[in-house]
Amino acid sequence: MIGAIVNAGKTAWDIIKDGRAVSTAQSAYCGAVPEKIPFTKLYGWKKKTGSWNVVYENLYGIDVIECELKYSFQYNGQCEAHPKSVFVTNFCVWAPKCDVAWGFTFDVNASTRGRPLNVGTKDKVIGAIPLLVRMSAGGANSKSQTMELTARGDGKLLTK
């Protein structure tokens, strides 16, 4: 029996603080794995990675914040007890590069949204975990934005 799907990682972490990439962000992760199955009994992992750029302009149309955000996660985790089910782990978002012009601020953090969930069926569990990525830019025209990224055990990354 799989039992509950749990997050085996962190629930929140800073990605960019005071306009600088946080070095520990790349080692912060979350996931959706079965509670009653030891991690050593999960196999078949595959890795997915990607990135996106965030650019904010000032009132004159000049780019004042340029940031690259990357994500990665491992999916397709399987166990003998439920061979049709798949799980996700090591879901991470970090910033390898961030440039913030003088007089502007930029902060980015990530936090899980609720608990991990099953987006499949009772017989074919697909573990998933939603992650909120909050971006806040300060300066002459302050902005904030929140994205929801959901990593799934079948390898899909859903964005809102």
N, C-alpha and C. Protein backbone atom coordinates (compact mmCIF):
# COMPACT_ATOMS: atom_id res chain seq x y z
N MET A 1 0.83 -1.19 0.00
CA MET A 1 0.00 0.00 0.00
C MET A 1 0.88 1.25 0.00
N ILE A 2 0.58 2.20 -0.85
CA ILE A 2 1.37 3.43 -0.92
C ILE A 2 1.14 4.30 0.30
N GLY A 3 -0.09 4.44 0.76
CA GLY A 3 -0.38 5.35 1.85
C GLY A 3 -0.40 6.78 1.35
N ALA A 4 -0.05 7.69 2.20
CA ALA A 4 -0.06 9.11 1.83
C ALA A 4 1.13 9.46 0.94
N ILE A 5 0.96 10.52 0.15
CA ILE A 5 2.07 11.09 -0.62
C ILE A 5 2.58 12.26 0.21
N VAL A 6 3.88 12.29 0.46
CA VAL A 6 4.45 13.32 1.33
C VAL A 6 5.55 14.09 0.60
N ASN A 7 5.86 15.26 1.13
CA ASN A 7 6.98 16.06 0.66
C ASN A 7 8.20 15.65 1.47
N ALA A 8 9.21 15.12 0.81
CA ALA A 8 10.42 14.68 1.50
C ALA A 8 11.48 15.78 1.52
N GLY A 9 11.10 17.03 1.25
CA GLY A 9 12.08 18.11 1.21
C GLY A 9 11.60 19.34 1.96
N LYS A 10 12.07 20.49 1.53
CA LYS A 10 11.74 21.76 2.17
C LYS A 10 10.35 22.24 1.76
N THR A 11 9.83 23.19 2.53
CA THR A 11 8.55 23.78 2.17
C THR A 11 8.71 25.22 1.70
N ALA A 12 9.88 25.84 1.96
CA ALA A 12 10.11 27.22 1.51
C ALA A 12 11.61 27.52 1.49
N TRP A 13 12.02 28.40 0.54
CA TRP A 13 13.40 28.84 0.50
C TRP A 13 13.52 30.11 -0.33
N ASP A 14 14.56 30.89 -0.04
CA ASP A 14 14.87 32.09 -0.82
C ASP A 14 15.68 31.70 -2.04
N ILE A 15 15.38 32.34 -3.16
CA ILE A 15 16.11 32.12 -4.41
C ILE A 15 17.00 33.34 -4.68
N ILE A 16 16.42 34.52 -4.54
CA ILE A 16 17.16 35.78 -4.66
C ILE A 16 16.78 36.64 -3.47
N LYS A 17 17.77 37.17 -2.79
CA LYS A 17 17.54 38.04 -1.64
C LYS A 17 18.36 39.30 -1.82
N ASP A 18 17.70 40.44 -1.73
CA ASP A 18 18.37 41.73 -1.90
C ASP A 18 19.12 41.82 -3.22
N GLY A 19 18.54 41.28 -4.28
CA GLY A 19 19.12 41.37 -5.61
C GLY A 19 20.26 40.42 -5.89
N ARG A 20 20.53 39.51 -4.97
CA ARG A 20 21.64 38.55 -5.17
C ARG A 20 21.12 37.12 -5.08
N ALA A 21 21.64 36.28 -5.95
CA ALA A 21 21.25 34.87 -5.93
C ALA A 21 21.71 34.24 -4.62
N VAL A 22 20.85 33.46 -4.01
CA VAL A 22 21.16 32.77 -2.76
C VAL A 22 21.84 31.46 -3.11
N SER A 23 23.06 31.27 -2.62
CA SER A 23 23.85 30.10 -3.01
C SER A 23 23.24 28.78 -2.54
N THR A 24 22.49 28.78 -1.46
CA THR A 24 21.91 27.53 -0.97
C THR A 24 20.63 27.13 -1.70
N ALA A 25 20.11 27.98 -2.56
CA ALA A 25 18.85 27.68 -3.25
C ALA A 25 18.94 26.44 -4.12
N GLN A 26 20.10 26.19 -4.70
CA GLN A 26 20.23 25.04 -5.60
C GLN A 26 20.18 23.72 -4.85
N SER A 27 20.38 23.75 -3.53
CA SER A 27 20.31 22.51 -2.76
C SER A 27 18.98 22.39 -2.00
N ALA A 28 18.07 23.33 -2.20
CA ALA A 28 16.74 23.27 -1.59
C ALA A 28 15.78 22.62 -2.57
N TYR A 29 15.01 21.67 -2.12
CA TYR A 29 14.12 20.95 -3.03
C TYR A 29 12.88 20.45 -2.29
N CYS A 30 11.90 20.04 -3.07
CA CYS A 30 10.70 19.41 -2.53
C CYS A 30 10.33 18.26 -3.46
N GLY A 31 9.33 17.49 -3.10
CA GLY A 31 8.93 16.37 -3.94
C GLY A 31 7.61 15.78 -3.49
N ALA A 32 7.15 14.78 -4.20
CA ALA A 32 5.93 14.05 -3.87
C ALA A 32 6.23 12.56 -3.99
N VAL A 33 6.49 11.95 -2.84
CA VAL A 33 6.88 10.54 -2.79
C VAL A 33 5.96 9.79 -1.82
N PRO A 34 5.87 8.48 -1.96
CA PRO A 34 5.00 7.71 -1.06
C PRO A 34 5.59 7.64 0.35
N GLU A 35 4.72 7.83 1.33
CA GLU A 35 5.15 7.85 2.73
C GLU A 35 5.65 6.50 3.22
N LYS A 36 5.03 5.43 2.81
CA LYS A 36 5.34 4.12 3.39
C LYS A 36 6.35 3.30 2.59
N ILE A 37 6.92 3.89 1.56
CA ILE A 37 7.91 3.18 0.75
C ILE A 37 9.27 3.81 1.01
N PRO A 38 10.26 3.04 1.48
CA PRO A 38 11.59 3.62 1.70
C PRO A 38 12.15 4.17 0.38
N PHE A 39 12.88 5.27 0.47
CA PHE A 39 13.41 5.91 -0.73
C PHE A 39 14.31 4.95 -1.53
N THR A 40 14.98 4.06 -0.84
CA THR A 40 15.86 3.09 -1.51
C THR A 40 15.07 2.09 -2.37
N LYS A 41 13.76 2.02 -2.17
CA LYS A 41 12.92 1.11 -2.95
C LYS A 41 12.31 1.78 -4.18
N LEU A 42 12.62 3.07 -4.39
CA LEU A 42 12.13 3.79 -5.57
C LEU A 42 13.22 3.77 -6.65
N TYR A 43 12.82 3.56 -7.88
CA TYR A 43 13.78 3.43 -8.98
C TYR A 43 13.18 4.01 -10.26
N GLY A 44 13.97 4.06 -11.32
CA GLY A 44 13.50 4.50 -12.64
C GLY A 44 13.50 6.00 -12.85
N TRP A 45 14.20 6.73 -12.00
CA TRP A 45 14.18 8.20 -12.06
C TRP A 45 14.73 8.73 -13.38
N LYS A 46 14.10 9.78 -13.88
CA LYS A 46 14.57 10.54 -15.04
C LYS A 46 14.63 12.00 -14.62
N LYS A 47 15.43 12.80 -15.30
CA LYS A 47 15.60 14.19 -14.91
C LYS A 47 15.06 15.14 -15.97
N LYS A 48 14.42 16.20 -15.52
CA LYS A 48 13.92 17.25 -16.40
C LYS A 48 14.46 18.59 -15.91
N THR A 49 14.92 19.41 -16.85
CA THR A 49 15.44 20.73 -16.49
C THR A 49 14.91 21.76 -17.49
N GLY A 50 14.96 23.00 -17.08
CA GLY A 50 14.55 24.08 -17.95
C GLY A 50 14.87 25.41 -17.31
N SER A 51 14.57 26.49 -18.00
CA SER A 51 14.84 27.82 -17.45
C SER A 51 13.90 28.84 -18.08
N TRP A 52 13.83 29.99 -17.45
CA TRP A 52 13.12 31.13 -18.01
C TRP A 52 13.79 32.40 -17.52
N ASN A 53 13.58 33.47 -18.25
CA ASN A 53 14.18 34.76 -17.92
C ASN A 53 13.11 35.71 -17.41
N VAL A 54 13.52 36.52 -16.45
CA VAL A 54 12.65 37.55 -15.89
C VAL A 54 13.32 38.89 -16.16
N VAL A 55 12.59 39.81 -16.79
CA VAL A 55 13.13 41.14 -17.10
C VAL A 55 12.10 42.17 -16.66
N TYR A 56 12.57 43.15 -15.89
CA TYR A 56 11.73 44.29 -15.51
C TYR A 56 12.34 45.55 -16.09
N GLU A 57 11.46 46.41 -16.59
CA GLU A 57 11.90 47.70 -17.16
C GLU A 57 11.54 48.82 -16.20
N ASN A 58 12.31 49.91 -16.27
CA ASN A 58 11.94 51.10 -15.50
C ASN A 58 10.91 51.91 -16.31
N LEU A 59 10.57 53.06 -15.80
CA LEU A 59 9.55 53.90 -16.45
C LEU A 59 9.97 54.38 -17.84
N TYR A 60 11.27 54.33 -18.15
CA TYR A 60 11.79 54.78 -19.45
C TYR A 60 11.98 53.62 -20.43
N GLY A 61 11.57 52.41 -20.03
CA GLY A 61 11.70 51.26 -20.91
C GLY A 61 13.09 50.63 -20.91
N ILE A 62 13.91 50.97 -19.93
CA ILE A 62 15.26 50.40 -19.82
C ILE A 62 15.22 49.21 -18.87
N ASP A 63 15.86 48.11 -19.29
CA ASP A 63 15.91 46.92 -18.44
C ASP A 63 16.73 47.21 -17.19
N VAL A 64 16.11 47.07 -16.02
CA VAL A 64 16.82 47.34 -14.76
C VAL A 64 17.00 46.06 -13.93
N ILE A 65 16.25 45.03 -14.25
CA ILE A 65 16.40 43.73 -13.58
C ILE A 65 16.38 42.66 -14.66
N GLU A 66 17.44 41.87 -14.69
CA GLU A 66 17.52 40.74 -15.61
C GLU A 66 17.95 39.53 -14.81
N CYS A 67 17.13 38.50 -14.84
CA CYS A 67 17.40 37.34 -14.02
C CYS A 67 17.08 36.07 -14.78
N GLU A 68 17.93 35.08 -14.65
CA GLU A 68 17.67 33.77 -15.21
C GLU A 68 17.27 32.86 -14.05
N LEU A 69 16.15 32.19 -14.18
CA LEU A 69 15.71 31.21 -13.19
C LEU A 69 15.71 29.84 -13.83
N LYS A 70 16.23 28.86 -13.11
CA LYS A 70 16.27 27.48 -13.61
C LYS A 70 15.45 26.59 -12.69
N TYR A 71 14.97 25.50 -13.26
CA TYR A 71 14.29 24.49 -12.46
C TYR A 71 14.81 23.12 -12.87
N SER A 72 14.69 22.18 -11.98
CA SER A 72 14.98 20.79 -12.29
C SER A 72 14.17 19.91 -11.34
N PHE A 73 13.86 18.73 -11.80
CA PHE A 73 13.23 17.74 -10.94
C PHE A 73 13.45 16.36 -11.52
N GLN A 74 13.34 15.38 -10.66
CA GLN A 74 13.44 13.99 -11.09
C GLN A 74 12.03 13.40 -11.02
N TYR A 75 11.67 12.69 -12.07
CA TYR A 75 10.33 12.13 -12.18
C TYR A 75 10.42 10.67 -12.57
N ASN A 76 9.28 10.02 -12.68
CA ASN A 76 9.19 8.62 -13.07
C ASN A 76 9.66 7.67 -11.97
N GLY A 77 9.72 8.14 -10.72
CA GLY A 77 10.09 7.25 -9.62
C GLY A 77 9.01 6.19 -9.44
N GLN A 78 9.42 4.94 -9.45
CA GLN A 78 8.49 3.82 -9.37
C GLN A 78 8.84 2.92 -8.21
N CYS A 79 7.88 2.08 -7.82
CA CYS A 79 8.14 1.08 -6.79
C CYS A 79 7.44 -0.22 -7.18
N GLU A 80 7.97 -1.33 -6.70
CA GLU A 80 7.40 -2.64 -7.05
C GLU A 80 5.97 -2.79 -6.57
N ALA A 81 5.64 -2.18 -5.42
CA ALA A 81 4.30 -2.33 -4.86
C ALA A 81 3.22 -1.73 -5.76
N HIS A 82 3.56 -0.68 -6.52
CA HIS A 82 2.62 -0.02 -7.43
C HIS A 82 3.33 0.32 -8.73
N PRO A 83 3.55 -0.67 -9.61
CA PRO A 83 4.34 -0.44 -10.83
C PRO A 83 3.74 0.56 -11.82
N LYS A 84 2.44 0.86 -11.72
CA LYS A 84 1.81 1.83 -12.62
C LYS A 84 1.93 3.26 -12.10
N SER A 85 2.35 3.42 -10.86
CA SER A 85 2.41 4.74 -10.23
C SER A 85 3.78 5.38 -10.43
N VAL A 86 3.80 6.72 -10.47
CA VAL A 86 5.06 7.46 -10.64
C VAL A 86 5.10 8.66 -9.69
N PHE A 87 6.30 9.00 -9.26
CA PHE A 87 6.49 10.04 -8.26
C PHE A 87 7.55 11.04 -8.71
N VAL A 88 7.65 12.14 -8.00
CA VAL A 88 8.58 13.22 -8.34
C VAL A 88 9.39 13.61 -7.10
N THR A 89 10.66 13.94 -7.29
CA THR A 89 11.51 14.37 -6.19
C THR A 89 12.53 15.39 -6.68
N ASN A 90 13.23 15.98 -5.76
CA ASN A 90 14.30 16.95 -6.05
C ASN A 90 13.84 18.10 -6.94
N PHE A 91 12.61 18.58 -6.73
CA PHE A 91 12.08 19.73 -7.47
C PHE A 91 12.71 20.98 -6.89
N CYS A 92 13.45 21.69 -7.71
CA CYS A 92 14.24 22.83 -7.25
C CYS A 92 14.14 23.99 -8.24
N VAL A 93 14.10 25.19 -7.73
CA VAL A 93 14.17 26.41 -8.54
C VAL A 93 15.28 27.27 -7.95
N TRP A 94 16.17 27.77 -8.81
CA TRP A 94 17.28 28.59 -8.36
C TRP A 94 17.65 29.60 -9.44
N ALA A 95 18.52 30.54 -9.08
CA ALA A 95 18.95 31.59 -10.02
C ALA A 95 20.46 31.52 -10.22
N PRO A 96 20.91 31.11 -11.40
CA PRO A 96 22.35 31.11 -11.65
C PRO A 96 22.88 32.51 -11.96
N LYS A 97 21.97 33.43 -12.35
CA LYS A 97 22.40 34.76 -12.76
C LYS A 97 21.30 35.77 -12.45
N CYS A 98 21.70 36.89 -11.88
CA CYS A 98 20.74 37.95 -11.60
C CYS A 98 21.47 39.30 -11.59
N ASP A 99 21.01 40.23 -12.40
CA ASP A 99 21.57 41.57 -12.46
C ASP A 99 20.48 42.57 -12.10
N VAL A 100 20.76 43.37 -11.07
CA VAL A 100 19.80 44.37 -10.59
C VAL A 100 20.50 45.72 -10.60
N ALA A 101 19.91 46.68 -11.31
CA ALA A 101 20.50 48.02 -11.41
C ALA A 101 20.43 48.74 -10.06
N TRP A 102 21.35 49.67 -9.89
CA TRP A 102 21.39 50.46 -8.67
C TRP A 102 20.05 51.18 -8.48
N GLY A 103 19.59 51.20 -7.22
CA GLY A 103 18.33 51.86 -6.92
C GLY A 103 17.11 50.96 -7.02
N PHE A 104 17.31 49.72 -7.39
CA PHE A 104 16.22 48.77 -7.51
C PHE A 104 16.47 47.57 -6.60
N THR A 105 15.41 46.92 -6.20
CA THR A 105 15.52 45.71 -5.38
C THR A 105 14.80 44.58 -6.10
N PHE A 106 15.22 43.37 -5.79
CA PHE A 106 14.57 42.20 -6.39
C PHE A 106 14.72 41.03 -5.43
N ASP A 107 13.60 40.41 -5.09
CA ASP A 107 13.59 39.23 -4.23
C ASP A 107 12.74 38.16 -4.89
N VAL A 108 13.17 36.92 -4.76
CA VAL A 108 12.42 35.78 -5.28
C VAL A 108 12.48 34.68 -4.22
N ASN A 109 11.35 34.09 -3.93
CA ASN A 109 11.34 32.94 -3.03
C ASN A 109 10.38 31.89 -3.55
N ALA A 110 10.55 30.70 -3.02
CA ALA A 110 9.71 29.57 -3.43
C ALA A 110 9.10 28.95 -2.19
N SER A 111 7.87 28.49 -2.32
CA SER A 111 7.22 27.76 -1.22
C SER A 111 6.22 26.78 -1.80
N THR A 112 6.13 25.64 -1.15
CA THR A 112 5.16 24.65 -1.61
C THR A 112 3.76 25.18 -1.33
N ARG A 113 2.84 24.84 -2.20
CA ARG A 113 1.45 25.26 -2.03
C ARG A 113 0.65 24.05 -1.59
N GLY A 114 0.37 23.99 -0.32
CA GLY A 114 -0.35 22.85 0.21
C GLY A 114 0.52 21.61 0.28
N ARG A 115 -0.12 20.48 0.26
CA ARG A 115 0.58 19.20 0.36
C ARG A 115 0.75 18.58 -1.03
N PRO A 116 1.68 17.64 -1.15
CA PRO A 116 1.76 16.89 -2.41
C PRO A 116 0.43 16.19 -2.67
N LEU A 117 0.15 15.91 -3.92
CA LEU A 117 -1.14 15.31 -4.25
C LEU A 117 -1.02 14.25 -5.33
N ASN A 118 -2.10 13.50 -5.48
CA ASN A 118 -2.21 12.50 -6.53
C ASN A 118 -3.05 13.10 -7.65
N VAL A 119 -2.46 13.33 -8.82
CA VAL A 119 -3.21 13.86 -9.96
C VAL A 119 -3.61 12.74 -10.92
N GLY A 120 -3.39 11.51 -10.50
CA GLY A 120 -3.77 10.34 -11.28
C GLY A 120 -5.03 9.71 -10.71
N THR A 121 -5.02 8.39 -10.63
CA THR A 121 -6.16 7.64 -10.10
C THR A 121 -5.70 6.83 -8.90
N LYS A 122 -6.65 6.12 -8.29
CA LYS A 122 -6.32 5.27 -7.14
C LYS A 122 -5.35 4.15 -7.55
N ASP A 123 -5.53 3.62 -8.76
CA ASP A 123 -4.70 2.52 -9.23
C ASP A 123 -3.43 2.96 -9.96
N LYS A 124 -3.46 4.19 -10.46
CA LYS A 124 -2.30 4.72 -11.18
C LYS A 124 -1.99 6.11 -10.60
N VAL A 125 -1.30 6.10 -9.49
CA VAL A 125 -0.98 7.33 -8.77
C VAL A 125 0.07 8.13 -9.56
N ILE A 126 -0.17 9.42 -9.70
CA ILE A 126 0.83 10.34 -10.27
C ILE A 126 1.07 11.40 -9.20
N GLY A 127 2.19 11.28 -8.51
CA GLY A 127 2.53 12.25 -7.47
C GLY A 127 2.85 13.60 -8.10
N ALA A 128 2.39 14.67 -7.45
CA ALA A 128 2.64 16.03 -7.95
C ALA A 128 2.83 16.97 -6.77
N ILE A 129 3.61 18.02 -6.98
CA ILE A 129 3.79 19.02 -5.93
C ILE A 129 3.78 20.42 -6.55
N PRO A 130 2.88 21.28 -6.07
CA PRO A 130 2.84 22.66 -6.56
C PRO A 130 3.83 23.53 -5.79
N LEU A 131 4.51 24.39 -6.51
CA LEU A 131 5.50 25.30 -5.93
C LEU A 131 5.16 26.71 -6.38
N LEU A 132 5.00 27.62 -5.42
CA LEU A 132 4.77 29.03 -5.73
C LEU A 132 6.10 29.75 -5.78
N VAL A 133 6.36 30.45 -6.87
CA VAL A 133 7.57 31.26 -7.02
C VAL A 133 7.12 32.71 -7.02
N ARG A 134 7.48 33.43 -5.95
CA ARG A 134 7.07 34.82 -5.78
C ARG A 134 8.23 35.74 -6.11
N MET A 135 7.97 36.71 -7.00
CA MET A 135 8.98 37.68 -7.41
C MET A 135 8.50 39.07 -7.02
N SER A 136 9.40 39.84 -6.43
CA SER A 136 9.05 41.18 -5.99
C SER A 136 10.16 42.14 -6.40
N ALA A 137 9.81 43.11 -7.24
CA ALA A 137 10.77 44.11 -7.71
C ALA A 137 10.40 45.45 -7.12
N GLY A 138 11.39 46.16 -6.59
CA GLY A 138 11.14 47.47 -6.00
C GLY A 138 11.94 48.53 -6.71
N GLY A 139 11.42 49.72 -6.71
CA GLY A 139 12.06 50.86 -7.36
C GLY A 139 10.98 51.87 -7.70
N ALA A 140 11.19 52.62 -8.76
CA ALA A 140 10.23 53.64 -9.16
C ALA A 140 8.86 53.04 -9.51
N ASN A 141 8.86 51.86 -10.10
CA ASN A 141 7.59 51.19 -10.40
C ASN A 141 7.65 49.76 -9.86
N SER A 142 7.28 49.62 -8.59
CA SER A 142 7.33 48.32 -7.92
C SER A 142 6.33 47.35 -8.54
N LYS A 143 6.74 46.08 -8.58
CA LYS A 143 5.88 45.02 -9.12
C LYS A 143 6.07 43.77 -8.30
N SER A 144 5.04 42.98 -8.25
CA SER A 144 5.18 41.64 -7.68
C SER A 144 4.38 40.68 -8.56
N GLN A 145 4.85 39.46 -8.59
CA GLN A 145 4.25 38.44 -9.44
C GLN A 145 4.44 37.09 -8.77
N THR A 146 3.45 36.23 -8.88
CA THR A 146 3.55 34.87 -8.36
C THR A 146 3.21 33.89 -9.47
N MET A 147 4.09 32.92 -9.64
CA MET A 147 3.88 31.84 -10.61
C MET A 147 3.67 30.55 -9.82
N GLU A 148 2.83 29.70 -10.33
CA GLU A 148 2.68 28.38 -9.74
C GLU A 148 3.23 27.35 -10.71
N LEU A 149 4.20 26.59 -10.26
CA LEU A 149 4.80 25.51 -11.05
C LEU A 149 4.45 24.20 -10.36
N THR A 150 3.93 23.25 -11.10
CA THR A 150 3.60 21.94 -10.53
C THR A 150 4.40 20.88 -11.25
N ALA A 151 5.31 20.24 -10.53
CA ALA A 151 6.09 19.14 -11.08
C ALA A 151 5.33 17.84 -10.81
N ARG A 152 5.24 17.00 -11.85
CA ARG A 152 4.47 15.77 -11.75
C ARG A 152 5.35 14.55 -11.97
N GLY A 153 4.95 13.44 -11.40
CA GLY A 153 5.69 12.19 -11.54
C GLY A 153 5.76 11.66 -12.95
N ASP A 154 4.87 12.13 -13.83
CA ASP A 154 4.92 11.70 -15.23
C ASP A 154 5.79 12.62 -16.10
N GLY A 155 6.50 13.55 -15.46
CA GLY A 155 7.44 14.41 -16.18
C GLY A 155 6.88 15.72 -16.65
N LYS A 156 5.59 15.96 -16.46
CA LYS A 156 5.00 17.23 -16.90
C LYS A 156 5.29 18.33 -15.87
N LEU A 157 5.50 19.53 -16.38
CA LEU A 157 5.62 20.71 -15.53
C LEU A 157 4.50 21.64 -15.95
N LEU A 158 3.55 21.87 -15.06
CA LEU A 158 2.42 22.74 -15.35
C LEU A 158 2.71 24.11 -14.75
N THR A 159 2.37 25.17 -15.48
CA THR A 159 2.59 26.54 -15.00
C THR A 159 1.30 27.33 -15.05
N LYS A 160 1.14 28.19 -14.06
CA LYS A 160 0.00 29.12 -14.00
C LYS A 160 0.52 30.50 -13.73
